[in-house]
PDB file of all heavy atoms in Angstrom:
ATOM      1  N   GLU A   1       9.311 -13.877  -2.105  1.00  0.00           N
ATOM      2  CA  GLU A   1       8.033 -13.654  -2.774  1.00  0.00           C
ATOM      3  C   GLU A   1       6.868 -13.860  -1.810  1.00  0.00           C
ATOM      4  O   GLU A   1       5.908 -13.080  -1.801  1.00  0.00           O
ATOM      5  CB  GLU A   1       7.878 -14.593  -3.977  1.00  0.00           C
ATOM      6  CG  GLU A   1       8.746 -14.246  -5.162  1.00  0.00           C
ATOM      7  CD  GLU A   1      10.116 -14.901  -5.098  1.00  0.00           C
ATOM      8  OE1 GLU A   1      10.439 -15.495  -4.033  1.00  0.00           O
ATOM      9  OE2 GLU A   1      10.876 -14.791  -6.086  1.00  0.00           O
ATOM     10  N   ALA A   2       6.969 -14.923  -0.982  1.00  0.00           N
ATOM     11  CA  ALA A   2       5.908 -15.196  -0.016  1.00  0.00           C
ATOM     12  C   ALA A   2       5.784 -14.062   0.996  1.00  0.00           C
ATOM     13  O   ALA A   2       4.676 -13.645   1.350  1.00  0.00           O
ATOM     14  CB  ALA A   2       6.181 -16.519   0.704  1.00  0.00           C
ATOM     15  N   ALA A   3       6.928 -13.547   1.454  1.00  0.00           N
ATOM     16  CA  ALA A   3       6.913 -12.443   2.415  1.00  0.00           C
ATOM     17  C   ALA A   3       6.255 -11.207   1.809  1.00  0.00           C
ATOM     18  O   ALA A   3       5.479 -10.507   2.475  1.00  0.00           O
ATOM     19  CB  ALA A   3       8.338 -12.116   2.862  1.00  0.00           C
ATOM     20  N   THR A   4       6.559 -10.930   0.545  1.00  0.00           N
ATOM     21  CA  THR A   4       5.951  -9.779  -0.139  1.00  0.00           C
ATOM     22  C   THR A   4       4.445  -9.934  -0.234  1.00  0.00           C
ATOM     23  O   THR A   4       3.685  -8.999   0.058  1.00  0.00           O
ATOM     24  CB  THR A   4       6.552  -9.616  -1.545  1.00  0.00           C
ATOM     25  OG1 THR A   4       7.970  -9.494  -1.453  1.00  0.00           O
ATOM     26  CG2 THR A   4       5.978  -8.388  -2.236  1.00  0.00           C
ATOM     27  N   ILE A   5       4.002 -11.116  -0.626  1.00  0.00           N
ATOM     28  CA  ILE A   5       2.561 -11.363  -0.768  1.00  0.00           C
ATOM     29  C   ILE A   5       1.856 -11.254   0.578  1.00  0.00           C
ATOM     30  O   ILE A   5       0.756 -10.689   0.682  1.00  0.00           O
ATOM     31  CB  ILE A   5       2.330 -12.755  -1.400  1.00  0.00           C
ATOM     32  CG1 ILE A   5       2.828 -12.758  -2.851  1.00  0.00           C
ATOM     33  CG2 ILE A   5       0.854 -13.144  -1.344  1.00  0.00           C
ATOM     34  CD1 ILE A   5       2.849 -14.131  -3.492  1.00  0.00           C
ATOM     35  N   ILE A   6       2.487 -11.778   1.635  1.00  0.00           N
ATOM     36  CA  ILE A   6       1.894 -11.700   2.975  1.00  0.00           C
ATOM     37  C   ILE A   6       1.725 -10.244   3.400  1.00  0.00           C
ATOM     38  O   ILE A   6       0.656  -9.839   3.890  1.00  0.00           O
ATOM     39  CB  ILE A   6       2.774 -12.458   3.993  1.00  0.00           C
ATOM     40  CG1 ILE A   6       2.671 -13.968   3.767  1.00  0.00           C
ATOM     41  CG2 ILE A   6       2.356 -12.117   5.432  1.00  0.00           C
ATOM     42  CD1 ILE A   6       3.674 -14.772   4.568  1.00  0.00           C
ATOM     43  N   MET A   7       2.765  -9.434   3.209  1.00  0.00           N
ATOM     44  CA  MET A   7       2.694  -8.027   3.610  1.00  0.00           C
ATOM     45  C   MET A   7       1.655  -7.263   2.784  1.00  0.00           C
ATOM     46  O   MET A   7       0.929  -6.427   3.318  1.00  0.00           O
ATOM     47  CB  MET A   7       4.072  -7.375   3.488  1.00  0.00           C
ATOM     48  CG  MET A   7       5.005  -7.729   4.627  1.00  0.00           C
ATOM     49  SD  MET A   7       6.464  -6.661   4.755  1.00  0.00           S
ATOM     50  CE  MET A   7       7.444  -7.291   3.417  1.00  0.00           C
ATOM     51  N   VAL A   8       1.583  -7.570   1.497  1.00  0.00           N
ATOM     52  CA  VAL A   8       0.590  -6.905   0.645  1.00  0.00           C
ATOM     53  C   VAL A   8      -0.823  -7.275   1.087  1.00  0.00           C
ATOM     54  O   VAL A   8      -1.703  -6.408   1.181  1.00  0.00           O
ATOM     55  CB  VAL A   8       0.809  -7.287  -0.835  1.00  0.00           C
ATOM     56  CG1 VAL A   8      -0.370  -6.836  -1.690  1.00  0.00           C
ATOM     57  CG2 VAL A   8       2.094  -6.656  -1.359  1.00  0.00           C
ATOM     58  N   ALA A   9      -1.055  -8.558   1.377  1.00  0.00           N
ATOM     59  CA  ALA A   9      -2.388  -9.003   1.802  1.00  0.00           C
ATOM     60  C   ALA A   9      -2.804  -8.330   3.108  1.00  0.00           C
ATOM     61  O   ALA A   9      -3.935  -7.831   3.243  1.00  0.00           O
ATOM     62  CB  ALA A   9      -2.396 -10.525   1.960  1.00  0.00           C
ATOM     63  N   ILE A  10      -1.901  -8.299   4.084  1.00  0.00           N
ATOM     64  CA  ILE A  10      -2.217  -7.666   5.372  1.00  0.00           C
ATOM     65  C   ILE A  10      -2.430  -6.168   5.191  1.00  0.00           C
ATOM     66  O   ILE A  10      -3.314  -5.564   5.812  1.00  0.00           O
ATOM     67  CB  ILE A  10      -1.099  -7.945   6.395  1.00  0.00           C
ATOM     68  CG1 ILE A  10      -1.044  -9.437   6.706  1.00  0.00           C
ATOM     69  CG2 ILE A  10      -1.313  -7.143   7.674  1.00  0.00           C
ATOM     70  CD1 ILE A  10       0.078  -9.829   7.641  1.00  0.00           C
ATOM     71  N   ALA A  11      -1.628  -5.538   4.331  1.00  0.00           N
ATOM     72  CA  ALA A  11      -1.772  -4.100   4.077  1.00  0.00           C
ATOM     73  C   ALA A  11      -3.126  -3.792   3.449  1.00  0.00           C
ATOM     74  O   ALA A  11      -3.791  -2.812   3.834  1.00  0.00           O
ATOM     75  CB  ALA A  11      -0.649  -3.616   3.169  1.00  0.00           C
ATOM     76  N   LEU A  12      -3.550  -4.627   2.489  1.00  0.00           N
ATOM     77  CA  LEU A  12      -4.850  -4.398   1.842  1.00  0.00           C
ATOM     78  C   LEU A  12      -5.994  -4.570   2.832  1.00  0.00           C
ATOM     79  O   LEU A  12      -6.957  -3.785   2.826  1.00  0.00           O
ATOM     80  CB  LEU A  12      -5.013  -5.364   0.664  1.00  0.00           C
ATOM     81  CG  LEU A  12      -4.101  -5.113  -0.547  1.00  0.00           C
ATOM     82  CD1 LEU A  12      -4.280  -6.209  -1.588  1.00  0.00           C
ATOM     83  CD2 LEU A  12      -4.393  -3.744  -1.153  1.00  0.00           C
ATOM     84  N   VAL A  13      -5.914  -5.594   3.683  1.00  0.00           N
ATOM     85  CA  VAL A  13      -6.948  -5.801   4.704  1.00  0.00           C
ATOM     86  C   VAL A  13      -6.969  -4.622   5.664  1.00  0.00           C
ATOM     87  O   VAL A  13      -8.037  -4.125   6.049  1.00  0.00           O
ATOM     88  CB  VAL A  13      -6.698  -7.124   5.464  1.00  0.00           C
ATOM     89  CG1 VAL A  13      -7.619  -7.230   6.670  1.00  0.00           C
ATOM     90  CG2 VAL A  13      -6.894  -8.311   4.533  1.00  0.00           C
ATOM     91  N   SER A  14      -5.795  -4.164   6.055  1.00  0.00           N
ATOM     92  CA  SER A  14      -5.695  -3.031   6.974  1.00  0.00           C
ATOM     93  C   SER A  14      -6.299  -1.770   6.368  1.00  0.00           C
ATOM     94  O   SER A  14      -7.046  -1.039   7.031  1.00  0.00           O
ATOM     95  CB  SER A  14      -4.229  -2.802   7.342  1.00  0.00           C
ATOM     96  OG  SER A  14      -4.093  -1.701   8.199  1.00  0.00           O
ATOM     97  N   LEU A  15      -5.995  -1.513   5.112  1.00  0.00           N
ATOM     98  CA  LEU A  15      -6.536  -0.326   4.444  1.00  0.00           C
ATOM     99  C   LEU A  15      -8.053  -0.416   4.286  1.00  0.00           C
ATOM    100  O   LEU A  15      -8.757   0.599   4.367  1.00  0.00           O
ATOM    101  CB  LEU A  15      -5.881  -0.151   3.070  1.00  0.00           C
ATOM    102  CG  LEU A  15      -4.408   0.270   3.060  1.00  0.00           C
ATOM    103  CD1 LEU A  15      -3.856   0.242   1.638  1.00  0.00           C
ATOM    104  CD2 LEU A  15      -4.233   1.664   3.661  1.00  0.00           C
ATOM    105  N   ALA A  16      -8.557  -1.641   4.080  1.00  0.00           N
ATOM    106  CA  ALA A  16      -9.993  -1.823   3.858  1.00  0.00           C
ATOM    107  C   ALA A  16     -10.801  -1.736   5.148  1.00  0.00           C
ATOM    108  O   ALA A  16     -11.964  -1.335   5.138  1.00  0.00           O
ATOM    109  CB  ALA A  16     -10.243  -3.168   3.180  1.00  0.00           C
ATOM    110  N   THR A  17     -10.184  -2.095   6.279  1.00  0.00           N
ATOM    111  CA  THR A  17     -10.922  -2.148   7.538  1.00  0.00           C
ATOM    112  C   THR A  17     -10.715  -0.934   8.438  1.00  0.00           C
ATOM    113  O   THR A  17     -11.497  -0.698   9.345  1.00  0.00           O
ATOM    114  CB  THR A  17     -10.525  -3.414   8.321  1.00  0.00           C
ATOM    115  OG1 THR A  17      -9.100  -3.432   8.514  1.00  0.00           O
ATOM    116  CG2 THR A  17     -10.943  -4.663   7.562  1.00  0.00           C
ATOM    117  N   GLU A  18      -9.646  -0.193   8.196  1.00  0.00           N
ATOM    118  CA  GLU A  18      -9.367   0.978   9.034  1.00  0.00           C
ATOM    119  C   GLU A  18     -10.298   2.125   8.677  1.00  0.00           C
ATOM    120  O   GLU A  18     -10.524   2.423   7.504  1.00  0.00           O
ATOM    121  CB  GLU A  18      -7.915   1.434   8.851  1.00  0.00           C
ATOM    122  CG  GLU A  18      -6.901   0.503   9.491  1.00  0.00           C
ATOM    123  CD  GLU A  18      -6.856   0.641  11.004  1.00  0.00           C
ATOM    124  OE1 GLU A  18      -7.372   1.654  11.517  1.00  0.00           O
ATOM    125  OE2 GLU A  18      -6.320  -0.265  11.663  1.00  0.00           O
ATOM    126  N   LYS A  19     -10.850   2.765   9.689  1.00  0.00           N
ATOM    127  CA  LYS A  19     -11.732   3.910   9.454  1.00  0.00           C
ATOM    128  C   LYS A  19     -10.940   5.132   9.007  1.00  0.00           C
ATOM    129  O   LYS A  19     -11.382   5.906   8.158  1.00  0.00           O
ATOM    130  CB  LYS A  19     -12.508   4.235  10.735  1.00  0.00           C
ATOM    131  CG  LYS A  19     -13.486   3.140  11.142  1.00  0.00           C
ATOM    132  CD  LYS A  19     -14.241   3.537  12.402  1.00  0.00           C
ATOM    133  CE  LYS A  19     -15.221   2.429  12.798  1.00  0.00           C
ATOM    134  NZ  LYS A  19     -15.965   2.784  14.039  1.00  0.00           N
ATOM    135  N   ARG A  20      -9.776   5.301   9.573  1.00  0.00           N
ATOM    136  CA  ARG A  20      -8.943   6.436   9.218  1.00  0.00           C
ATOM    137  C   ARG A  20      -8.109   6.097   7.981  1.00  0.00           C
ATOM    138  O   ARG A  20      -7.359   5.139   7.969  1.00  0.00           O
ATOM    139  CB  ARG A  20      -8.023   6.801  10.387  1.00  0.00           C
ATOM    140  CG  ARG A  20      -7.189   8.054  10.135  1.00  0.00           C
ATOM    141  CD  ARG A  20      -6.339   8.373  11.348  1.00  0.00           C
ATOM    142  NE  ARG A  20      -5.505   9.542  11.120  1.00  0.00           N
ATOM    143  CZ  ARG A  20      -4.646  10.027  12.001  1.00  0.00           C
ATOM    144  NH1 ARG A  20      -4.520   9.427  13.190  1.00  0.00           N
ATOM    145  NH2 ARG A  20      -3.922  11.090  11.714  1.00  0.00           N
ATOM    146  N   ALA A  21      -8.278   6.869   6.951  1.00  0.00           N
ATOM    147  CA  ALA A  21      -7.588   6.601   5.692  1.00  0.00           C
ATOM    148  C   ALA A  21      -6.088   6.814   5.831  1.00  0.00           C
ATOM    149  O   ALA A  21      -5.638   7.720   6.531  1.00  0.00           O
ATOM    150  CB  ALA A  21      -8.142   7.496   4.589  1.00  0.00           C
ATOM    151  N   PHE A  22      -5.335   5.963   5.158  1.00  0.00           N
ATOM    152  CA  PHE A  22      -3.885   6.098   5.141  1.00  0.00           C
ATOM    153  C   PHE A  22      -3.480   6.894   3.909  1.00  0.00           C
ATOM    154  O   PHE A  22      -3.955   6.610   2.799  1.00  0.00           O
ATOM    155  CB  PHE A  22      -3.224   4.722   5.117  1.00  0.00           C
ATOM    156  CG  PHE A  22      -1.724   4.777   5.042  1.00  0.00           C
ATOM    157  CD1 PHE A  22      -0.969   4.952   6.185  1.00  0.00           C
ATOM    158  CD2 PHE A  22      -1.072   4.657   3.828  1.00  0.00           C
ATOM    159  CE1 PHE A  22       0.411   4.997   6.126  1.00  0.00           C
ATOM    160  CE2 PHE A  22       0.303   4.705   3.752  1.00  0.00           C
ATOM    161  CZ  PHE A  22       1.051   4.871   4.910  1.00  0.00           C
ATOM    162  N   SER A  23      -2.645   7.866   4.075  1.00  0.00           N
ATOM    163  CA  SER A  23      -2.255   8.706   2.947  1.00  0.00           C
ATOM    164  C   SER A  23      -0.793   8.469   2.582  1.00  0.00           C
ATOM    165  O   SER A  23       0.086   8.493   3.446  1.00  0.00           O
ATOM    166  CB  SER A  23      -2.454  10.189   3.278  1.00  0.00           C
ATOM    167  OG  SER A  23      -1.705  10.554   4.416  1.00  0.00           O
ATOM    168  N   PHE A  24      -0.552   8.212   1.312  1.00  0.00           N
ATOM    169  CA  PHE A  24       0.802   8.069   0.809  1.00  0.00           C
ATOM    170  C   PHE A  24       1.377   9.438   0.480  1.00  0.00           C
ATOM    171  O   PHE A  24       0.636  10.367   0.128  1.00  0.00           O
ATOM    172  CB  PHE A  24       0.818   7.185  -0.444  1.00  0.00           C
ATOM    173  CG  PHE A  24       0.550   5.736  -0.176  1.00  0.00           C
ATOM    174  CD1 PHE A  24      -0.709   5.196  -0.404  1.00  0.00           C
ATOM    175  CD2 PHE A  24       1.547   4.913   0.325  1.00  0.00           C
ATOM    176  CE1 PHE A  24      -0.963   3.860  -0.152  1.00  0.00           C
ATOM    177  CE2 PHE A  24       1.305   3.573   0.586  1.00  0.00           C
ATOM    178  CZ  PHE A  24       0.044   3.046   0.340  1.00  0.00           C
ATOM    179  N   LEU A  25       2.660   9.564   0.569  1.00  0.00           N
ATOM    180  CA  LEU A  25       3.336  10.813   0.258  1.00  0.00           C
ATOM    181  C   LEU A  25       3.285  11.081  -1.247  1.00  0.00           C
ATOM    182  O   LEU A  25       3.215  10.139  -2.043  1.00  0.00           O
ATOM    183  CB  LEU A  25       4.794  10.756   0.711  1.00  0.00           C
ATOM    184  CG  LEU A  25       5.048  10.585   2.210  1.00  0.00           C
ATOM    185  CD1 LEU A  25       6.543  10.383   2.468  1.00  0.00           C
ATOM    186  CD2 LEU A  25       4.545  11.793   2.980  1.00  0.00           C
ATOM    187  N   PRO A  26       3.343  12.353  -1.658  1.00  0.00           N
ATOM    188  CA  PRO A  26       3.370  12.666  -3.098  1.00  0.00           C
ATOM    189  C   PRO A  26       4.531  11.964  -3.809  1.00  0.00           C
ATOM    190  O   PRO A  26       4.375  11.515  -4.947  1.00  0.00           O
ATOM    191  CB  PRO A  26       3.540  14.185  -3.115  1.00  0.00           C
ATOM    192  CG  PRO A  26       2.979  14.651  -1.810  1.00  0.00           C
ATOM    193  CD  PRO A  26       3.289  13.570  -0.829  1.00  0.00           C
ATOM    194  N   GLN A  27       5.680  11.875  -3.138  1.00  0.00           N
ATOM    195  CA  GLN A  27       6.837  11.203  -3.752  1.00  0.00           C
ATOM    196  C   GLN A  27       6.562   9.717  -3.964  1.00  0.00           C
ATOM    197  O   GLN A  27       7.005   9.129  -4.962  1.00  0.00           O
ATOM    198  CB  GLN A  27       8.076  11.377  -2.870  1.00  0.00           C
ATOM    199  CG  GLN A  27       8.660  12.766  -2.854  1.00  0.00           C
ATOM    200  CD  GLN A  27       7.897  13.712  -1.919  1.00  0.00           C
ATOM    201  OE1 GLN A  27       6.940  13.308  -1.251  1.00  0.00           O
ATOM    202  NE2 GLN A  27       8.326  14.948  -1.865  1.00  0.00           N
ATOM    203  N   GLU A  28       5.828   9.103  -3.031  1.00  0.00           N
ATOM    204  CA  GLU A  28       5.491   7.688  -3.171  1.00  0.00           C
ATOM    205  C   GLU A  28       4.514   7.480  -4.315  1.00  0.00           C
ATOM    206  O   GLU A  28       4.622   6.494  -5.063  1.00  0.00           O
ATOM    207  CB  GLU A  28       4.905   7.171  -1.850  1.00  0.00           C
ATOM    208  CG  GLU A  28       5.931   7.128  -0.723  1.00  0.00           C
ATOM    209  CD  GLU A  28       5.312   6.913   0.639  1.00  0.00           C
ATOM    210  OE1 GLU A  28       4.082   7.097   0.783  1.00  0.00           O
ATOM    211  OE2 GLU A  28       6.067   6.582   1.575  1.00  0.00           O
ATOM    212  N   LYS A  29       3.585   8.390  -4.477  1.00  0.00           N
ATOM    213  CA  LYS A  29       2.635   8.288  -5.585  1.00  0.00           C
ATOM    214  C   LYS A  29       3.339   8.457  -6.923  1.00  0.00           C
ATOM    215  O   LYS A  29       3.060   7.726  -7.884  1.00  0.00           O
ATOM    216  CB  LYS A  29       1.538   9.345  -5.419  1.00  0.00           C
ATOM    217  CG  LYS A  29       0.646   9.132  -4.207  1.00  0.00           C
ATOM    218  CD  LYS A  29      -0.364  10.252  -4.056  1.00  0.00           C
ATOM    219  CE  LYS A  29      -1.228  10.045  -2.815  1.00  0.00           C
ATOM    220  NZ  LYS A  29      -2.204  11.146  -2.630  1.00  0.00           N
ATOM    221  N   ARG A  30       4.262   9.415  -6.989  1.00  0.00           N
ATOM    222  CA  ARG A  30       5.006   9.610  -8.240  1.00  0.00           C
ATOM    223  C   ARG A  30       5.892   8.403  -8.533  1.00  0.00           C
ATOM    224  O   ARG A  30       6.023   7.985  -9.694  1.00  0.00           O
ATOM    225  CB  ARG A  30       5.850  10.885  -8.161  1.00  0.00           C
ATOM    226  CG  ARG A  30       5.029  12.160  -8.230  1.00  0.00           C
ATOM    227  CD  ARG A  30       5.914  13.357  -8.558  1.00  0.00           C
ATOM    228  NE  ARG A  30       6.863  13.661  -7.494  1.00  0.00           N
ATOM    229  CZ  ARG A  30       6.627  14.518  -6.503  1.00  0.00           C
ATOM    230  NH1 ARG A  30       5.455  15.149  -6.429  1.00  0.00           N
ATOM    231  NH2 ARG A  30       7.540  14.748  -5.583  1.00  0.00           N
ATOM    232  N   ALA A  31       6.496   7.840  -7.473  1.00  0.00           N
ATOM    233  CA  ALA A  31       7.325   6.647  -7.656  1.00  0.00           C
ATOM    234  C   ALA A  31       6.485   5.486  -8.190  1.00  0.00           C
ATOM    235  O   ALA A  31       6.926   4.741  -9.076  1.00  0.00           O
ATOM    236  CB  ALA A  31       7.983   6.260  -6.331  1.00  0.00           C
ATOM    237  N   ALA A  32       5.266   5.333  -7.665  1.00  0.00           N
ATOM    238  CA  ALA A  32       4.375   4.267  -8.131  1.00  0.00           C
ATOM    239  C   ALA A  32       4.011   4.455  -9.602  1.00  0.00           C
ATOM    240  O   ALA A  32       4.007   3.493 -10.383  1.00  0.00           O
ATOM    241  CB  ALA A  32       3.116   4.231  -7.270  1.00  0.00           C
ATOM    242  N   LEU A  33       3.726   5.694  -9.996  1.00  0.00           N
ATOM    243  CA  LEU A  33       3.385   5.974 -11.397  1.00  0.00           C
ATOM    244  C   LEU A  33       4.575   5.692 -12.314  1.00  0.00           C
ATOM    245  O   LEU A  33       4.411   5.128 -13.407  1.00  0.00           O
ATOM    246  CB  LEU A  33       2.934   7.431 -11.545  1.00  0.00           C
ATOM    247  CG  LEU A  33       1.562   7.768 -10.956  1.00  0.00           C
ATOM    248  CD1 LEU A  33       1.298   9.267 -11.049  1.00  0.00           C
ATOM    249  CD2 LEU A  33       0.462   6.994 -11.681  1.00  0.00           C
ATOM    250  N   LEU A  34       5.763   6.071 -11.867  1.00  0.00           N
ATOM    251  CA  LEU A  34       6.966   5.816 -12.665  1.00  0.00           C
ATOM    252  C   LEU A  34       7.224   4.320 -12.797  1.00  0.00           C
ATOM    253  O   LEU A  34       7.647   3.841 -13.858  1.00  0.00           O
ATOM    254  CB  LEU A  34       8.171   6.502 -12.033  1.00  0.00           C
ATOM    255  CG  LEU A  34       8.224   8.028 -12.190  1.00  0.00           C
ATOM    256  CD1 LEU A  34       9.262   8.624 -11.244  1.00  0.00           C
ATOM    257  CD2 LEU A  34       8.559   8.401 -13.640  1.00  0.00           C
ATOM    258  N   LEU A  35       6.946   3.575 -11.728  1.00  0.00           N
ATOM    259  CA  LEU A  35       7.142   2.130 -11.782  1.00  0.00           C
ATOM    260  C   LEU A  35       6.135   1.482 -12.728  1.00  0.00           C
ATOM    261  O   LEU A  35       6.476   0.556 -13.481  1.00  0.00           O
ATOM    262  CB  LEU A  35       7.014   1.528 -10.379  1.00  0.00           C
ATOM    263  CG  LEU A  35       7.490   0.078 -10.225  1.00  0.00           C
ATOM    264  CD1 LEU A  35       8.960  -0.053 -10.609  1.00  0.00           C
ATOM    265  CD2 LEU A  35       7.281  -0.410  -8.806  1.00  0.00           C
ATOM    266  N   VAL A  36       4.894   1.961 -12.700  1.00  0.00           N
ATOM    267  CA  VAL A  36       3.879   1.464 -13.638  1.00  0.00           C
ATOM    268  C   VAL A  36       4.306   1.752 -15.076  1.00  0.00           C
ATOM    269  O   VAL A  36       4.185   0.891 -15.965  1.00  0.00           O
ATOM    270  CB  VAL A  36       2.504   2.101 -13.343  1.00  0.00           C
ATOM    271  CG1 VAL A  36       1.511   1.788 -14.461  1.00  0.00           C
ATOM    272  CG2 VAL A  36       1.965   1.601 -12.002  1.00  0.00           C
TER     273      VAL A  36
END
């Protein structure tokens, strides 16, 4: 659980500070919607 939280926190900081936007694949977006 701690490892997951650490990776999520670093990923969010990275996405917020990077000038170049990171794009998820359509399959990843659909997978996220299905999981929700």
